[in-house]
Amino acid sequence: MADKPKRFQSQTERDFDGLEARAEREREGRDGRPAAIEFEEITGQHHGAELRAMRASRPPEVRLERMEDKHDELVSIVSDTRETFAREVGAIRTQVGKIEGKLDVLPELVSVVKGIATAREQREHLTFTAQVEVDQARKLAEIEKEKDTAVAEKKAELDDRLDKKKSRRKLWIKILGGVGVLIAGAIVHAIIHSLTGWL
């Protein structure tokens, strides 16, 4: 078998191969991974068979790399959560220790609070009682004042009546005295006239 001389590609064939290579490069990333799937986050955006098909189109190395990245991220989250949890538990234990140290004082504190509440209740009762007594005394004073005012008004009214009666009596006495003088004068005149008539 004789080797046939190699035939050179025509310009059209080279252009066609170049376009195919370019299309292939656009479909794949620089390192051979499919560009659209490599950089696109498909979890949560696609579901079911579509999601499985899109994941299957990724090369195994990409899938493994993404899985390792997610695993590292989850380990970091768990580690941070564990540290936060440990700090919170430590703080809770400290608070519990402080509270336990104060539990001996709690019965005394309760008795003091009860004593304060009882004293406040008694003070409020005394205040209420005193207020009631002050109100009663004020009402009695008002009643007494009203009585005194009524008595004074009645006394003034009686005094006015008595004064009017005295004035009327004096007037009648004057009138009767004047009439008596006139009658006496008339009698004396009549006597004098009758005596002079005899003479």
Protein backbone atom coordinates (compact mmCIF):
# COMPACT_ATOMS: atom_id res chain seq x y z
CA MET A 1 0.00 0.00 0.00
CA ALA A 2 1.42 3.08 -1.08
CA ASP A 3 0.91 6.20 0.81
CA LYS A 4 -1.22 8.65 -0.94
CA PRO A 5 0.00 12.15 -0.87
CA LYS A 6 -1.84 14.27 1.64
CA ARG A 7 -4.25 16.59 0.19
CA PHE A 8 -4.36 20.13 1.52
CA GLN A 9 -7.59 21.56 2.87
CA SER A 10 -9.35 24.11 0.83
CA GLN A 11 -10.19 27.50 2.26
CA THR A 12 -13.86 26.52 2.54
CA GLU A 13 -12.97 23.37 4.50
CA ARG A 14 -10.71 25.37 6.79
CA ASP A 15 -13.46 27.95 7.39
CA PHE A 16 -15.97 25.19 8.11
CA ASP A 17 -13.60 23.46 10.59
CA GLY A 18 -12.84 26.80 12.22
CA LEU A 19 -16.51 27.56 12.71
CA GLU A 20 -17.06 24.08 14.20
CA ALA A 21 -14.13 24.54 16.57
CA ARG A 22 -15.37 27.94 17.58
CA ALA A 23 -18.87 26.61 18.27
CA GLU A 24 -17.31 23.77 20.31
CA ARG A 25 -15.27 26.27 22.34
CA GLU A 26 -18.34 28.37 23.00
CA ARG A 27 -20.20 25.30 24.24
CA GLU A 28 -17.32 24.34 26.52
CA GLY A 29 -15.33 26.37 28.98
CA ARG A 30 -11.64 26.95 28.70
CA ASP A 31 -10.70 23.77 30.54
CA GLY A 32 -13.15 21.53 28.73
CA ARG A 33 -16.18 21.94 31.03
CA PRO A 34 -19.52 22.98 29.57
CA ALA A 35 -19.59 26.75 30.09
CA ALA A 36 -23.33 27.18 30.58
CA ILE A 37 -23.60 24.50 33.25
CA GLU A 38 -20.24 25.15 34.91
CA PHE A 39 -21.05 28.68 36.03
CA GLU A 40 -24.81 28.45 36.36
CA GLU A 41 -26.33 27.56 39.71
CA ILE A 42 -29.07 25.09 38.90
CA THR A 43 -29.98 23.85 42.39
CA GLY A 44 -33.26 25.36 43.50
CA GLN A 45 -34.02 26.70 40.01
CA HIS A 46 -34.69 23.34 38.34
CA HIS A 47 -36.37 20.26 39.76
CA GLY A 48 -36.81 16.56 39.18
CA ALA A 49 -35.66 14.96 35.93
CA GLU A 50 -34.57 18.29 34.46
CA LEU A 51 -32.24 18.93 37.40
CA ARG A 52 -30.81 15.39 37.21
CA ALA A 53 -30.24 15.75 33.44
CA MET A 54 -28.48 19.10 33.87
CA ARG A 55 -26.25 17.68 36.61
CA ALA A 56 -25.48 14.60 34.49
CA SER A 57 -24.30 16.85 31.66
CA ARG A 58 -21.51 18.14 33.88
CA PRO A 59 -18.24 16.27 33.75
CA PRO A 60 -17.56 14.07 36.81
CA GLU A 61 -14.63 16.26 37.87
CA VAL A 62 -16.87 19.34 37.96
CA ARG A 63 -19.54 17.49 39.88
CA LEU A 64 -17.00 16.21 42.39
CA GLU A 65 -15.40 19.65 42.74
CA ARG A 66 -18.80 21.28 43.36
CA MET A 67 -19.71 18.57 45.87
CA GLU A 68 -16.42 19.10 47.73
CA ASP A 69 -16.98 22.87 47.77
CA LYS A 70 -20.46 22.41 49.20
CA HIS A 71 -19.12 19.88 51.71
CA ASP A 72 -16.44 22.36 52.83
CA GLU A 73 -19.08 25.08 53.12
CA LEU A 74 -21.32 22.83 55.23
CA VAL A 75 -18.40 21.81 57.46
CA SER A 76 -17.59 25.50 57.98
CA ILE A 77 -21.23 26.26 58.86
CA VAL A 78 -21.41 23.31 61.27
CA SER A 79 -18.11 24.35 62.86
CA ASP A 80 -19.27 27.95 63.29
CA THR A 81 -22.60 26.76 64.67
CA ARG A 82 -20.84 24.42 67.08
CA GLU A 83 -18.60 27.24 68.33
CA THR A 84 -21.56 29.60 68.71
CA PHE A 85 -23.52 26.89 70.51
CA ALA A 86 -20.58 26.21 72.84
CA ARG A 87 -20.30 29.93 73.66
CA GLU A 88 -24.03 30.18 74.31
CA VAL A 89 -24.00 27.07 76.54
CA GLY A 90 -21.02 28.52 78.44
CA ALA A 91 -22.86 31.79 78.96
CA ILE A 92 -25.99 29.94 80.12
CA ARG A 93 -23.92 27.87 82.56
CA THR A 94 -22.36 31.07 83.92
CA GLN A 95 -25.80 32.61 84.40
CA VAL A 96 -27.11 29.45 86.07
CA GLY A 97 -24.10 29.47 88.40
CA LYS A 98 -24.77 33.07 89.34
CA ILE A 99 -28.43 32.29 89.98
CA GLU A 100 -27.59 29.21 92.04
CA GLY A 101 -25.28 31.35 94.18
CA LYS A 102 -28.15 33.72 94.86
CA LEU A 103 -30.76 31.07 95.69
CA ASP A 104 -29.79 31.15 99.39
CA VAL A 105 -30.80 34.80 99.52
CA LEU A 106 -34.09 34.17 97.74
CA PRO A 107 -36.19 33.19 100.84
CA GLU A 108 -35.00 36.32 102.66
CA LEU A 109 -35.79 38.42 99.62
CA VAL A 110 -39.27 36.91 99.42
CA SER A 111 -39.92 37.67 103.11
CA VAL A 112 -38.68 41.26 102.69
CA VAL A 113 -40.91 41.74 99.64
CA LYS A 114 -43.87 40.30 101.58
CA GLY A 115 -43.11 42.67 104.50
CA ILE A 116 -42.97 45.64 102.13
CA ALA A 117 -46.25 44.59 100.54
CA THR A 118 -47.91 44.20 103.96
CA ALA A 119 -46.62 47.60 105.11
CA ARG A 120 -47.87 49.22 101.92
CA GLU A 121 -51.27 47.56 102.39
CA GLN A 122 -51.50 48.82 105.98
CA ARG A 123 -50.41 52.32 104.95
CA GLU A 124 -53.03 52.37 102.21
CA HIS A 125 -55.67 51.15 104.69
CA LEU A 126 -54.70 53.86 107.22
CA THR A 127 -54.69 56.48 104.50
CA PHE A 128 -58.12 55.37 103.33
CA THR A 129 -59.48 55.28 106.89
CA ALA A 130 -58.06 58.72 107.66
CA GLN A 131 -59.51 60.10 104.44
CA VAL A 132 -62.93 58.66 105.32
CA GLU A 133 -62.75 60.24 108.79
CA VAL A 134 -61.66 63.59 107.36
CA ASP A 135 -64.54 63.46 104.88
CA GLN A 136 -67.00 62.66 107.69
CA ALA A 137 -65.63 65.48 109.85
CA ARG A 138 -65.91 67.89 106.92
CA LYS A 139 -69.52 66.84 106.32
CA LEU A 140 -70.34 67.23 110.03
CA ALA A 141 -68.71 70.68 110.05
CA GLU A 142 -70.76 71.65 107.01
CA ILE A 143 -73.93 70.38 108.72
CA GLU A 144 -73.07 72.30 111.91
CA LYS A 145 -72.35 75.41 109.88
CA GLU A 146 -75.67 75.03 108.09
CA LYS A 147 -77.42 74.57 111.47
CA ASP A 148 -75.70 77.65 112.92
CA THR A 149 -76.59 79.64 109.83
CA ALA A 150 -80.22 78.45 110.01
CA VAL A 151 -80.41 79.25 113.76
CA ALA A 152 -78.89 82.69 113.18
CA GLU A 153 -81.33 83.36 110.36
CA LYS A 154 -84.29 82.23 112.55
CA LYS A 155 -83.02 84.36 115.46
CA ALA A 156 -82.64 87.36 113.17
CA GLU A 157 -86.15 86.72 111.82
CA LEU A 158 -87.56 86.46 115.37
CA ASP A 159 -85.68 89.58 116.41
CA ASP A 160 -87.14 91.40 113.41
CA ARG A 161 -90.62 90.19 114.33
CA LEU A 162 -90.13 91.26 117.96
CA ASP A 163 -88.79 94.63 116.84
CA LYS A 164 -91.80 95.07 114.59
CA LYS A 165 -94.15 94.07 117.42
CA LYS A 166 -92.39 96.48 119.80
CA SER A 167 -92.62 99.21 117.19
CA ARG A 168 -96.33 98.50 116.67
CA ARG A 169 -96.90 98.38 120.42
CA LYS A 170 -95.12 101.70 120.87
CA LEU A 171 -97.16 103.13 118.01
CA TRP A 172 -100.39 101.85 119.62
CA ILE A 173 -99.31 103.19 122.93
CA LYS A 174 -98.63 106.56 121.37
CA ILE A 175 -101.89 106.43 119.48
CA LEU A 176 -103.81 105.31 122.56
CA GLY A 177 -101.92 107.84 124.65
CA GLY A 178 -102.85 110.59 122.19
CA VAL A 179 -106.44 109.37 122.05
CA GLY A 180 -106.44 109.13 125.86
CA VAL A 181 -105.14 112.67 126.13
CA LEU A 182 -107.78 113.82 123.68
CA ILE A 183 -110.48 111.95 125.57
CA ALA A 184 -109.13 113.23 128.87
CA GLY A 185 -108.98 116.72 127.41
CA ALA A 186 -112.49 116.32 126.07
CA ILE A 187 -113.67 115.05 129.45
CA VAL A 188 -111.92 117.89 131.26
CA HIS A 189 -113.38 120.29 128.75
CA ALA A 190 -116.79 118.75 129.18
CA ILE A 191 -116.43 118.92 132.97
CA ILE A 192 -115.24 122.47 132.80
CA HIS A 193 -118.02 123.30 130.44
CA SER A 194 -120.60 121.59 132.61
CA LEU A 195 -119.24 123.33 135.69
CA THR A 196 -119.36 126.64 134.01
CA GLY A 197 -122.82 125.90 132.88
CA TRP A 198 -123.91 125.42 136.47
CA LEU A 199 -122.46 128.55 137.53
